Structure formats: C-alpha cells, structure tokens
Amino acid sequence: MWPNEWPAIPRAIAMATYSAEAAARAGSADQFGTAIAELSAIPFEQVAAVQFRVIRELMETLHPDGLEGDDVSEVLGRCARAAAPWWQGLDIQFLAVVITGALGVAEVEETPRGRDNRVVIESAVLVIADLAGAAKVATKDYIARAVSDIARAETIEMP
C-alpha cells in the first residue's frame, strides 16, 4: 500500500496512522489503542509532522475558501461527540491544541497540562478521522502526500 522506497520510520508512521484512523472511524477502542501504541513508539516530532500536514490538507479540502473560527469550533465539537462514546482517553483540550497546532496558530508545547505526546497523537488521529469523514475522503493519499512533502523538504539544501 505504501511506497517500497520509503524508509522504515515514515512507512511505520503511515501504516499506524492509517490503521488508527480506520479504527477511530469504526469506533474500535482496541484497534485504536494498538495503533496509537505503535505511533507512540516512533519519535514524536516525526509523527506530529506527518499528522499535522494531513490535518492542514483535510481542512483545506473542507474549507477551500478559507477557515473561520466557527469552522474550527464545528470540527472540535463534531470530533468530541464522535469519539466520546468509545474512547475514554478523549481530552477535548488536546483536540483544540492539535487543531491550532496543525494550523500554525499555537505550538504543541503550549498544551494545557504540559506536553503529553501520546494524547497529542491520539487527538491528531481523532481529528484526522473526523475531517476525513466530513469530507468523505480516504486518508491514504493525504498521508502519502504528507510523507512525500516532508521527505522532499528534507532533501532540499538551504543556500
């Protein structure tokens, strides 16, 4: 499913993010927890970079004419309502941190209770699942583009 030429870490991020998102959309706490554990074993900055790019692109897909405060509130509420019945680890404050972090409005380090990487990863996947569901799109291409964009940016030398 993922390009063979990708190194192990980007491949693992893509596979686990895709699995976690599918589990979130299905409301499967066990599968979600397993995929989140896999993501938590990977360097946080790399996971967050991919997931935040996916969130930004999904937001652009849903709001091609620009994003307003009400749009962010809608995503936050919809995501919380969808995840609350099946995911006991839901932290609404971290959903907001992920959304604002992905949009470049706030730094992830500015979390309400300090930096908790696992909760940030969980929240990012929940937001991805919500946005993909609202846009009625599969996330495979979004994840692939995020990984490819990051790889391309890392190979460009600065003057």
C-alpha atoms as a PDB file:
ATOM      1  CA  MET A   1       0.000   0.000   0.000  1.00  0.00           C
ATOM      2  CA  TRP A   2       2.843   2.406   0.822  1.00  0.00           C
ATOM      3  CA  PRO A   3       5.823   3.032  -1.489  1.00  0.00           C
ATOM      4  CA  ASN A   4       8.613   0.496  -1.042  1.00  0.00           C
ATOM      5  CA  GLU A   5      11.279   3.186  -1.301  1.00  0.00           C
ATOM      6  CA  TRP A   6      10.121   4.894   1.894  1.00  0.00           C
ATOM      7  CA  PRO A   7      12.425   4.425   4.889  1.00  0.00           C
ATOM      8  CA  ALA A   8      11.159   2.369   7.844  1.00  0.00           C
ATOM      9  CA  ILE A   9      10.033   5.258  10.067  1.00  0.00           C
ATOM     10  CA  PRO A  10       7.867   7.120   7.516  1.00  0.00           C
ATOM     11  CA  ARG A  11       6.402   3.769   6.468  1.00  0.00           C
ATOM     12  CA  ALA A  12       5.584   2.906  10.097  1.00  0.00           C
ATOM     13  CA  ILE A  13       4.007   6.342  10.637  1.00  0.00           C
ATOM     14  CA  ALA A  14       1.869   5.954   7.521  1.00  0.00           C
ATOM     15  CA  MET A  15       0.726   2.426   8.363  1.00  0.00           C
ATOM     16  CA  ALA A  16      -0.065   3.142  12.007  1.00  0.00           C
ATOM     17  CA  THR A  17      -1.769   6.486  11.280  1.00  0.00           C
ATOM     18  CA  TYR A  18      -3.905   4.838   8.601  1.00  0.00           C
ATOM     19  CA  SER A  19      -4.795   1.955  10.950  1.00  0.00           C
ATOM     20  CA  ALA A  20      -5.579   4.295  13.844  1.00  0.00           C
ATOM     21  CA  GLU A  21      -7.759   6.499  11.638  1.00  0.00           C
ATOM     22  CA  ALA A  22      -9.697   3.486  10.347  1.00  0.00           C
ATOM     23  CA  ALA A  23     -10.185   2.255  13.921  1.00  0.00           C
ATOM     24  CA  ALA A  24     -11.380   5.708  15.002  1.00  0.00           C
ATOM     25  CA  ARG A  25     -13.908   5.874  12.184  1.00  0.00           C
ATOM     26  CA  ALA A  26     -15.132   2.399  13.166  1.00  0.00           C
ATOM     27  CA  GLY A  27     -15.221   3.303  16.873  1.00  0.00           C
ATOM     28  CA  SER A  28     -12.919   0.394  17.779  1.00  0.00           C
ATOM     29  CA  ALA A  29     -11.121   1.289  21.005  1.00  0.00           C
ATOM     30  CA  ASP A  30      -8.939  -1.852  20.981  1.00  0.00           C
ATOM     31  CA  GLN A  31      -7.646  -1.359  17.438  1.00  0.00           C
ATOM     32  CA  PHE A  32      -7.250   2.374  18.023  1.00  0.00           C
ATOM     33  CA  GLY A  33      -5.233   1.757  21.193  1.00  0.00           C
ATOM     34  CA  THR A  34      -2.967  -0.717  19.405  1.00  0.00           C
ATOM     35  CA  ALA A  35      -2.251   1.685  16.549  1.00  0.00           C
ATOM     36  CA  ILE A  36      -1.659   4.577  18.972  1.00  0.00           C
ATOM     37  CA  ALA A  37       0.838   2.426  20.897  1.00  0.00           C
ATOM     38  CA  GLU A  38       2.698   1.817  17.614  1.00  0.00           C
ATOM     39  CA  LEU A  39       2.731   5.550  16.855  1.00  0.00           C
ATOM     40  CA  SER A  40       3.881   6.367  20.389  1.00  0.00           C
ATOM     41  CA  ALA A  41       6.967   4.193  19.879  1.00  0.00           C
ATOM     42  CA  ILE A  42       8.083   6.386  16.946  1.00  0.00           C
ATOM     43  CA  PRO A  43       9.820   9.753  17.506  1.00  0.00           C
ATOM     44  CA  PHE A  44       7.033  12.195  18.357  1.00  0.00           C
ATOM     45  CA  GLU A  45       8.233  15.059  16.165  1.00  0.00           C
ATOM     46  CA  GLN A  46       8.138  12.872  13.060  1.00  0.00           C
ATOM     47  CA  VAL A  47       4.656  11.535  13.817  1.00  0.00           C
ATOM     48  CA  ALA A  48       3.315  15.016  14.583  1.00  0.00           C
ATOM     49  CA  ALA A  49       4.836  16.473  11.409  1.00  0.00           C
ATOM     50  CA  VAL A  50       3.001  13.952   9.224  1.00  0.00           C
ATOM     51  CA  GLN A  51      -0.276  14.132  11.112  1.00  0.00           C
ATOM     52  CA  PHE A  52      -0.357  17.927  11.225  1.00  0.00           C
ATOM     53  CA  ARG A  53       0.218  18.112   7.457  1.00  0.00           C
ATOM     54  CA  VAL A  54      -2.657  15.687   6.944  1.00  0.00           C
ATOM     55  CA  ILE A  55      -4.906  17.813   9.180  1.00  0.00           C
ATOM     56  CA  ARG A  56      -3.975  21.016   7.322  1.00  0.00           C
ATOM     57  CA  GLU A  57      -4.703  19.475   3.934  1.00  0.00           C
ATOM     58  CA  LEU A  58      -8.011  17.993   5.105  1.00  0.00           C
ATOM     59  CA  MET A  59      -9.017  21.404   6.484  1.00  0.00           C
ATOM     60  CA  GLU A  60      -8.174  22.945   3.107  1.00  0.00           C
ATOM     61  CA  THR A  61     -10.271  20.279   1.377  1.00  0.00           C
ATOM     62  CA  LEU A  62     -13.258  21.029   3.595  1.00  0.00           C
ATOM     63  CA  HIS A  63     -12.816  24.807   3.541  1.00  0.00           C
ATOM     64  CA  PRO A  64     -11.308  25.791   0.168  1.00  0.00           C
ATOM     65  CA  ASP A  65     -12.438  29.414   0.576  1.00  0.00           C
ATOM     66  CA  GLY A  66     -10.712  29.825   3.926  1.00  0.00           C
ATOM     67  CA  LEU A  67     -11.211  28.841   7.516  1.00  0.00           C
ATOM     68  CA  GLU A  68     -13.151  30.794  10.131  1.00  0.00           C
ATOM     69  CA  GLY A  69     -13.386  30.436  13.888  1.00  0.00           C
ATOM     70  CA  ASP A  70     -16.794  28.798  13.615  1.00  0.00           C
ATOM     71  CA  ASP A  71     -15.302  26.149  11.329  1.00  0.00           C
ATOM     72  CA  VAL A  72     -12.720  25.241  13.967  1.00  0.00           C
ATOM     73  CA  SER A  73     -15.415  25.113  16.667  1.00  0.00           C
ATOM     74  CA  GLU A  74     -17.515  22.860  14.457  1.00  0.00           C
ATOM     75  CA  VAL A  75     -14.634  20.419  13.960  1.00  0.00           C
ATOM     76  CA  LEU A  76     -13.874  20.423  17.677  1.00  0.00           C
ATOM     77  CA  GLY A  77     -17.479  19.714  18.677  1.00  0.00           C
ATOM     78  CA  ARG A  78     -18.113  17.130  15.985  1.00  0.00           C
ATOM     79  CA  CYS A  79     -14.887  15.292  16.766  1.00  0.00           C
ATOM     80  CA  ALA A  80     -15.560  15.240  20.512  1.00  0.00           C
ATOM     81  CA  ARG A  81     -19.124  13.973  20.036  1.00  0.00           C
ATOM     82  CA  ALA A  82     -17.960  11.203  17.714  1.00  0.00           C
ATOM     83  CA  ALA A  83     -15.101   9.981  19.937  1.00  0.00           C
ATOM     84  CA  ALA A  84     -16.625  10.355  23.409  1.00  0.00           C
ATOM     85  CA  PRO A  85     -18.829   7.228  23.283  1.00  0.00           C
ATOM     86  CA  TRP A  86     -15.975   4.842  22.521  1.00  0.00           C
ATOM     87  CA  TRP A  87     -12.645   6.483  23.530  1.00  0.00           C
ATOM     88  CA  GLN A  88     -12.255   7.005  27.268  1.00  0.00           C
ATOM     89  CA  GLY A  89      -8.932   8.799  26.814  1.00  0.00           C
ATOM     90  CA  LEU A  90     -10.576  11.686  24.954  1.00  0.00           C
ATOM     91  CA  ASP A  91      -9.248  15.070  26.068  1.00  0.00           C
ATOM     92  CA  ILE A  92     -11.082  17.951  24.417  1.00  0.00           C
ATOM     93  CA  GLN A  93      -8.357  20.432  25.344  1.00  0.00           C
ATOM     94  CA  PHE A  94      -5.868  18.388  23.339  1.00  0.00           C
ATOM     95  CA  LEU A  95      -8.214  18.296  20.344  1.00  0.00           C
ATOM     96  CA  ALA A  96      -8.052  22.097  20.383  1.00  0.00           C
ATOM     97  CA  VAL A  97      -4.263  22.035  20.790  1.00  0.00           C
ATOM     98  CA  VAL A  98      -3.919  19.705  17.802  1.00  0.00           C
ATOM     99  CA  ILE A  99      -6.193  21.783  15.568  1.00  0.00           C
ATOM    100  CA  THR A 100      -4.497  25.074  16.438  1.00  0.00           C
ATOM    101  CA  GLY A 101      -1.058  23.449  16.245  1.00  0.00           C
ATOM    102  CA  ALA A 102      -1.739  21.973  12.818  1.00  0.00           C
ATOM    103  CA  LEU A 103      -2.923  25.356  11.589  1.00  0.00           C
ATOM    104  CA  GLY A 104       0.206  27.041  12.957  1.00  0.00           C
ATOM    105  CA  VAL A 105      -1.727  29.151  15.463  1.00  0.00           C
ATOM    106  CA  ALA A 106      -0.110  27.600  18.553  1.00  0.00           C
ATOM    107  CA  GLU A 107       2.842  25.404  19.407  1.00  0.00           C
ATOM    108  CA  VAL A 108       2.200  21.871  20.618  1.00  0.00           C
ATOM    109  CA  GLU A 109       4.355  22.631  23.652  1.00  0.00           C
ATOM    110  CA  GLU A 110       1.626  25.055  24.781  1.00  0.00           C
ATOM    111  CA  THR A 111      -0.623  22.203  25.908  1.00  0.00           C
ATOM    112  CA  PRO A 112      -2.992  22.812  28.828  1.00  0.00           C
ATOM    113  CA  ARG A 113      -1.246  20.308  31.136  1.00  0.00           C
ATOM    114  CA  GLY A 114       2.203  20.226  29.656  1.00  0.00           C
ATOM    115  CA  ARG A 115       3.366  18.126  26.780  1.00  0.00           C
ATOM    116  CA  ASP A 116       1.813  14.668  26.631  1.00  0.00           C
ATOM    117  CA  ASN A 117       2.881  13.162  23.329  1.00  0.00           C
ATOM    118  CA  ARG A 118       0.557  10.165  23.389  1.00  0.00           C
ATOM    119  CA  VAL A 119      -2.535  12.318  23.946  1.00  0.00           C
ATOM    120  CA  VAL A 120      -1.432  14.672  21.165  1.00  0.00           C
ATOM    121  CA  ILE A 121      -1.061  11.691  18.802  1.00  0.00           C
ATOM    122  CA  GLU A 122      -4.462  10.283  19.841  1.00  0.00           C
ATOM    123  CA  SER A 123      -6.093  13.658  19.363  1.00  0.00           C
ATOM    124  CA  ALA A 124      -4.474  14.193  15.969  1.00  0.00           C
ATOM    125  CA  VAL A 125      -5.791  10.861  14.717  1.00  0.00           C
ATOM    126  CA  LEU A 126      -9.272  11.635  16.057  1.00  0.00           C
ATOM    127  CA  VAL A 127      -9.222  14.969  14.212  1.00  0.00           C
ATOM    128  CA  ILE A 128      -7.993  13.270  11.021  1.00  0.00           C
ATOM    129  CA  ALA A 129     -10.798  10.706  11.259  1.00  0.00           C
ATOM    130  CA  ASP A 130     -13.385  13.434  11.793  1.00  0.00           C
ATOM    131  CA  LEU A 131     -12.174  15.611   8.935  1.00  0.00           C
ATOM    132  CA  ALA A 132     -11.873  12.677   6.527  1.00  0.00           C
ATOM    133  CA  GLY A 133     -15.380  11.556   7.440  1.00  0.00           C
ATOM    134  CA  ALA A 134     -16.791  15.043   6.959  1.00  0.00           C
ATOM    135  CA  ALA A 135     -15.006  15.407   3.609  1.00  0.00           C
ATOM    136  CA  LYS A 136     -15.971  11.848   2.607  1.00  0.00           C
ATOM    137  CA  VAL A 137     -12.410  11.052   1.567  1.00  0.00           C
ATOM    138  CA  ALA A 138      -9.959   8.257   2.270  1.00  0.00           C
ATOM    139  CA  THR A 139      -6.816   9.338   4.082  1.00  0.00           C
ATOM    140  CA  LYS A 140      -4.313   7.162   2.199  1.00  0.00           C
ATOM    141  CA  ASP A 141      -3.475   9.834  -0.380  1.00  0.00           C
ATOM    142  CA  TYR A 142      -3.356  12.571   2.266  1.00  0.00           C
ATOM    143  CA  ILE A 143      -0.897  10.564   4.366  1.00  0.00           C
ATOM    144  CA  ALA A 144       1.223   9.712   1.316  1.00  0.00           C
ATOM    145  CA  ARG A 145       1.398  13.372   0.269  1.00  0.00           C
ATOM    146  CA  ALA A 146       2.350  14.457   3.792  1.00  0.00           C
ATOM    147  CA  VAL A 147       5.204  11.948   3.967  1.00  0.00           C
ATOM    148  CA  SER A 148       6.382  12.841   0.448  1.00  0.00           C
ATOM    149  CA  ASP A 149       6.245  16.587   1.160  1.00  0.00           C
ATOM    150  CA  ILE A 150       8.314  16.168   4.313  1.00  0.00           C
ATOM    151  CA  ALA A 151      10.853  13.955   2.516  1.00  0.00           C
ATOM    152  CA  ARG A 152      11.134  16.481  -0.305  1.00  0.00           C
ATOM    153  CA  ALA A 153      11.582  19.379   2.129  1.00  0.00           C
ATOM    154  CA  GLU A 154      14.313  17.488   3.980  1.00  0.00           C
ATOM    155  CA  THR A 155      16.287  16.857   0.784  1.00  0.00           C
ATOM    156  CA  ILE A 156      16.319  20.494  -0.320  1.00  0.00           C
ATOM    157  CA  GLU A 157      19.502  22.192   0.797  1.00  0.00           C
ATOM    158  CA  MET A 158      19.300  25.692   2.145  1.00  0.00           C
ATOM    159  CA  PRO A 159      21.565  28.260   0.391  1.00  0.00           C
END
